[in-house]
Amino acid sequence: MNPTFQTVFDLIRQPNLIQPAYWFIAIFVFAAVILVTLAWLAVRRRRRWRRSLPIFAVAWVAICTYVIATDVRDTIEIRNAVVAGKVQVAEGCLDYFRPGSPQGTKSTAGNEEWSVDGRVFNYGAGEVRPAFHAVSTAEGPVRADSRVRVSFVVSPAYGRREIVKLELAPHACPNARLVNAFDQP
């Protein structure tokens, strides 16, 4: 008997929603503008810290430019892959399930993680990414007894599997091996 799948997340139908996190980028650009302004004022007014602040400001701008460009390029490539139909699909019962922390964590140790067909999917509540990241402990839909059909694109820049469509049949499988939060599977 084939289980009835419910679509709980779908970016394939609306790939235009796959966008860089402009608000998140704006935070770093705003900080860069403030740093550059302070560095310019320090040099102009011959402040004592005039040597170190411009160096730090240049480093900040360079690093932020690289990270922002990488993230924007990655998001565009993910969207282009979805539009071109270069989406991979995995279906089945979960091999294991590690519930994620309902709040964002400073590392990926608190991310929700599960595996289907030997493919590992990992995402966290506090992550800023262009795809699915709703953890079960914060009302996310995936549970240990779910049968999933997951459509994903492998992120070119980060190598992680970005979930662009998630369909699931709740309570259609025996419980997957449960891994405690923050533990390795």
Foldseek 3Di string as FASTA:
>chain_A
DDFDKDWPFACLVPLVLLAAPVVVLVVLVVVLVVLVVVLVVCVVVVPPCNPPSVVVSVVSVVVSVVVVVLQRVLSVVFSVCSVVVVKDKFWFAWQEWEFADCDDDPDQLRWTWIDGPRAIATAANPDRHRADHHTVVNVDDDFQQKIKIFIWDQRPRPRHTGTNIIIIRPNPGPGHHYDYRSDDD
